[in-house]
Amino acid sequence: MACTDMGNVSRVLPALHPTIGYDTEGARHHTAPFARYGNSPGADRAVLDGAIALAHVGVELATDPAQRRRCLDLLTARRPASDGASRA
């Protein structure tokens, strides 16, 4: 089960939105029992797994010219034209 408001962000900015979970013994999101699992060893491991995965993406973008170019092209395409460019 996953729950986030990341969709609101990714409508504006490119975003990674993986799902990394940890055991909550069935506790439902946004409840006190669910919150108690947020400082568990499993939650700590999930944070580390996410950080390592994101670091791998950064390394690939830094070392692979084709991936870097693809990413920069996508960012450029998403940027709105500046006032000066739209009047030209």
N, C-alpha and C. Protein backbone atom coordinates (compact mmCIF):
# COMPACT_ATOMS: atom_id res chain seq x y z
N MET A 1 0.85 -1.16 0.00
CA MET A 1 0.00 0.00 0.00
C MET A 1 0.90 1.24 0.00
N ALA A 2 0.56 2.25 -0.77
CA ALA A 2 1.36 3.47 -0.84
C ALA A 2 0.44 4.67 -0.80
N CYS A 3 0.93 5.76 -0.26
CA CYS A 3 0.13 6.97 -0.16
C CYS A 3 1.07 8.17 -0.21
N THR A 4 0.80 9.11 -1.10
CA THR A 4 1.65 10.28 -1.22
C THR A 4 0.94 11.35 -2.02
N ASP A 5 1.42 12.56 -1.91
CA ASP A 5 0.92 13.67 -2.73
C ASP A 5 1.92 14.01 -3.82
N MET A 6 2.80 13.09 -4.17
CA MET A 6 3.84 13.35 -5.16
C MET A 6 3.26 13.69 -6.52
N GLY A 7 2.07 13.21 -6.82
CA GLY A 7 1.44 13.52 -8.10
C GLY A 7 1.28 15.01 -8.31
N ASN A 8 1.03 15.75 -7.24
CA ASN A 8 0.91 17.21 -7.36
C ASN A 8 2.24 17.83 -7.76
N VAL A 9 3.33 17.29 -7.29
CA VAL A 9 4.66 17.80 -7.62
C VAL A 9 5.04 17.42 -9.05
N SER A 10 4.80 16.17 -9.42
CA SER A 10 5.26 15.69 -10.72
C SER A 10 4.47 16.31 -11.88
N ARG A 11 3.38 16.98 -11.59
CA ARG A 11 2.68 17.72 -12.66
C ARG A 11 3.47 18.96 -13.06
N VAL A 12 4.36 19.43 -12.17
CA VAL A 12 5.12 20.65 -12.40
C VAL A 12 6.59 20.37 -12.68
N LEU A 13 7.17 19.41 -11.97
CA LEU A 13 8.59 19.09 -12.07
C LEU A 13 8.78 17.62 -12.38
N PRO A 14 9.83 17.29 -13.14
CA PRO A 14 10.14 15.86 -13.31
C PRO A 14 10.39 15.24 -11.94
N ALA A 15 9.91 14.04 -11.74
CA ALA A 15 10.02 13.44 -10.42
C ALA A 15 10.21 11.93 -10.53
N LEU A 16 10.95 11.40 -9.58
CA LEU A 16 11.01 9.96 -9.39
C LEU A 16 9.97 9.62 -8.34
N HIS A 17 9.23 8.57 -8.58
CA HIS A 17 8.18 8.23 -7.64
C HIS A 17 8.13 6.72 -7.41
N PRO A 18 9.21 6.19 -6.85
CA PRO A 18 9.21 4.75 -6.60
C PRO A 18 8.39 4.41 -5.37
N THR A 19 8.07 3.16 -5.24
CA THR A 19 7.40 2.69 -4.04
C THR A 19 8.37 1.79 -3.29
N ILE A 20 8.72 2.18 -2.10
CA ILE A 20 9.61 1.39 -1.25
C ILE A 20 8.86 1.20 0.05
N GLY A 21 8.67 -0.03 0.42
CA GLY A 21 7.84 -0.29 1.58
C GLY A 21 8.60 -0.91 2.74
N TYR A 22 7.90 -0.98 3.84
CA TYR A 22 8.39 -1.67 5.03
C TYR A 22 7.19 -2.22 5.77
N ASP A 23 7.44 -3.19 6.62
CA ASP A 23 6.35 -3.89 7.30
C ASP A 23 5.67 -2.99 8.33
N THR A 24 4.36 -2.88 8.22
CA THR A 24 3.57 -2.13 9.21
C THR A 24 2.55 -3.05 9.87
N GLU A 25 2.70 -4.35 9.65
CA GLU A 25 1.78 -5.36 10.20
C GLU A 25 0.33 -5.00 9.90
N GLY A 26 0.08 -4.45 8.72
CA GLY A 26 -1.29 -4.17 8.29
C GLY A 26 -1.88 -2.85 8.78
N ALA A 27 -1.11 -2.06 9.50
CA ALA A 27 -1.63 -0.77 9.98
C ALA A 27 -1.99 0.12 8.78
N ARG A 28 -3.09 0.82 8.85
CA ARG A 28 -3.55 1.67 7.76
C ARG A 28 -2.83 3.01 7.80
N HIS A 29 -2.65 3.60 6.59
CA HIS A 29 -1.98 4.89 6.47
C HIS A 29 -2.68 5.98 7.28
N HIS A 30 -1.90 6.95 7.71
CA HIS A 30 -2.40 8.13 8.42
C HIS A 30 -3.10 7.77 9.73
N THR A 31 -2.58 6.75 10.40
CA THR A 31 -3.10 6.38 11.72
C THR A 31 -1.94 6.32 12.70
N ALA A 32 -2.27 6.39 13.98
CA ALA A 32 -1.23 6.30 15.02
C ALA A 32 -0.47 4.97 14.95
N PRO A 33 -1.16 3.84 14.77
CA PRO A 33 -0.41 2.58 14.67
C PRO A 33 0.58 2.59 13.48
N PHE A 34 0.17 3.14 12.35
CA PHE A 34 1.05 3.23 11.19
C PHE A 34 2.27 4.09 11.52
N ALA A 35 2.05 5.22 12.19
CA ALA A 35 3.15 6.14 12.51
C ALA A 35 4.20 5.47 13.40
N ARG A 36 3.77 4.57 14.26
CA ARG A 36 4.72 3.91 15.15
C ARG A 36 5.76 3.08 14.39
N TYR A 37 5.41 2.61 13.22
CA TYR A 37 6.35 1.81 12.42
C TYR A 37 7.35 2.69 11.67
N GLY A 38 7.14 3.99 11.65
CA GLY A 38 8.01 4.89 10.91
C GLY A 38 9.42 5.00 11.47
N ASN A 39 9.64 4.57 12.70
CA ASN A 39 10.99 4.60 13.26
C ASN A 39 11.51 3.19 13.53
N SER A 40 10.99 2.25 12.78
CA SER A 40 11.42 0.86 12.95
C SER A 40 12.67 0.57 12.12
N PRO A 41 13.38 -0.50 12.42
CA PRO A 41 14.53 -0.89 11.59
C PRO A 41 14.14 -1.09 10.13
N GLY A 42 12.93 -1.61 9.87
CA GLY A 42 12.48 -1.80 8.50
C GLY A 42 12.30 -0.48 7.77
N ALA A 43 11.78 0.53 8.47
CA ALA A 43 11.62 1.85 7.88
C ALA A 43 12.99 2.48 7.60
N ASP A 44 13.91 2.31 8.54
CA ASP A 44 15.28 2.83 8.32
C ASP A 44 15.90 2.18 7.09
N ARG A 45 15.70 0.88 6.92
CA ARG A 45 16.25 0.17 5.76
C ARG A 45 15.61 0.69 4.47
N ALA A 46 14.31 0.96 4.51
CA ALA A 46 13.61 1.48 3.33
C ALA A 46 14.17 2.84 2.92
N VAL A 47 14.47 3.70 3.90
CA VAL A 47 15.06 5.00 3.59
C VAL A 47 16.43 4.83 2.94
N LEU A 48 17.24 3.94 3.48
CA LEU A 48 18.56 3.68 2.89
C LEU A 48 18.44 3.10 1.49
N ASP A 49 17.51 2.18 1.28
CA ASP A 49 17.30 1.61 -0.06
C ASP A 49 16.93 2.71 -1.05
N GLY A 50 16.05 3.61 -0.65
CA GLY A 50 15.65 4.71 -1.53
C GLY A 50 16.80 5.64 -1.84
N ALA A 51 17.61 5.95 -0.85
CA ALA A 51 18.76 6.84 -1.05
C ALA A 51 19.78 6.20 -1.99
N ILE A 52 20.02 4.92 -1.82
CA ILE A 52 20.97 4.21 -2.70
C ILE A 52 20.44 4.18 -4.13
N ALA A 53 19.17 3.91 -4.30
CA ALA A 53 18.59 3.88 -5.65
C ALA A 53 18.70 5.25 -6.31
N LEU A 54 18.40 6.31 -5.58
CA LEU A 54 18.50 7.66 -6.13
C LEU A 54 19.95 8.00 -6.47
N ALA A 55 20.89 7.56 -5.65
CA ALA A 55 22.31 7.80 -5.94
C ALA A 55 22.72 7.11 -7.23
N HIS A 56 22.21 5.91 -7.46
CA HIS A 56 22.51 5.20 -8.71
C HIS A 56 22.02 5.99 -9.92
N VAL A 57 20.85 6.60 -9.82
CA VAL A 57 20.34 7.43 -10.92
C VAL A 57 21.27 8.61 -11.16
N GLY A 58 21.71 9.26 -10.10
CA GLY A 58 22.63 10.40 -10.23
C GLY A 58 23.94 10.00 -10.88
N VAL A 59 24.47 8.84 -10.51
CA VAL A 59 25.72 8.36 -11.10
C VAL A 59 25.51 8.10 -12.59
N GLU A 60 24.41 7.49 -12.95
CA GLU A 60 24.17 7.22 -14.37
C GLU A 60 24.05 8.52 -15.17
N LEU A 61 23.34 9.50 -14.63
CA LEU A 61 23.22 10.78 -15.33
C LEU A 61 24.56 11.49 -15.44
N ALA A 62 25.42 11.31 -14.45
CA ALA A 62 26.73 11.97 -14.47
C ALA A 62 27.73 11.27 -15.38
N THR A 63 27.54 9.98 -15.62
CA THR A 63 28.55 9.22 -16.37
C THR A 63 28.11 8.77 -17.75
N ASP A 64 26.85 8.89 -18.07
CA ASP A 64 26.34 8.45 -19.37
C ASP A 64 25.89 9.67 -20.17
N PRO A 65 26.69 10.09 -21.18
CA PRO A 65 26.36 11.30 -21.93
C PRO A 65 24.98 11.24 -22.60
N ALA A 66 24.56 10.08 -23.08
CA ALA A 66 23.26 9.97 -23.74
C ALA A 66 22.13 10.18 -22.74
N GLN A 67 22.26 9.60 -21.54
CA GLN A 67 21.22 9.78 -20.51
C GLN A 67 21.18 11.23 -20.04
N ARG A 68 22.35 11.83 -19.86
CA ARG A 68 22.41 13.24 -19.44
C ARG A 68 21.72 14.13 -20.48
N ARG A 69 22.01 13.92 -21.75
CA ARG A 69 21.41 14.72 -22.82
C ARG A 69 19.90 14.52 -22.84
N ARG A 70 19.45 13.26 -22.71
CA ARG A 70 18.01 12.97 -22.70
C ARG A 70 17.32 13.71 -21.56
N CYS A 71 17.92 13.69 -20.39
CA CYS A 71 17.35 14.36 -19.22
C CYS A 71 17.29 15.87 -19.44
N LEU A 72 18.37 16.44 -19.92
CA LEU A 72 18.40 17.89 -20.17
C LEU A 72 17.39 18.29 -21.24
N ASP A 73 17.24 17.47 -22.28
CA ASP A 73 16.25 17.76 -23.31
C ASP A 73 14.83 17.73 -22.75
N LEU A 74 14.56 16.76 -21.89
CA LEU A 74 13.23 16.69 -21.26
C LEU A 74 12.97 17.92 -20.39
N LEU A 75 13.97 18.34 -19.63
CA LEU A 75 13.80 19.53 -18.79
C LEU A 75 13.56 20.78 -19.64
N THR A 76 14.31 20.92 -20.71
CA THR A 76 14.15 22.08 -21.59
C THR A 76 12.76 22.10 -22.20
N ALA A 77 12.26 20.95 -22.61
CA ALA A 77 10.93 20.87 -23.23
C ALA A 77 9.83 21.23 -22.25
N ARG A 78 10.04 21.01 -20.96
CA ARG A 78 9.00 21.29 -19.96
C ARG A 78 8.99 22.74 -19.49
N ARG A 79 10.10 23.47 -19.74
CA ARG A 79 10.18 24.85 -19.28
C ARG A 79 9.31 25.75 -20.13
N PRO A 80 8.54 26.62 -19.50
CA PRO A 80 7.76 27.58 -20.29
C PRO A 80 8.71 28.60 -20.93
N ALA A 81 8.31 29.12 -22.08
CA ALA A 81 9.11 30.13 -22.75
C ALA A 81 9.16 31.37 -21.89
N SER A 82 10.32 32.04 -21.88
CA SER A 82 10.45 33.28 -21.10
C SER A 82 9.69 34.39 -21.82
N ASP A 83 9.40 35.49 -21.11
CA ASP A 83 8.69 36.62 -21.72
C ASP A 83 9.38 37.13 -22.96
N GLY A 84 10.72 37.23 -22.92
CA GLY A 84 11.46 37.74 -24.06
C GLY A 84 11.34 36.81 -25.26
N ALA A 85 11.38 35.52 -25.03
CA ALA A 85 11.30 34.57 -26.13
C ALA A 85 9.90 34.52 -26.74
N SER A 86 8.87 34.71 -25.90
CA SER A 86 7.52 34.61 -26.43
C SER A 86 7.13 35.84 -27.24
N ARG A 87 7.82 36.95 -27.05
CA ARG A 87 7.52 38.17 -27.80
C ARG A 87 8.33 38.26 -29.09
N ALA A 88 9.32 37.42 -29.25
CA ALA A 88 10.21 37.50 -30.42
C ALA A 88 9.53 37.11 -31.69
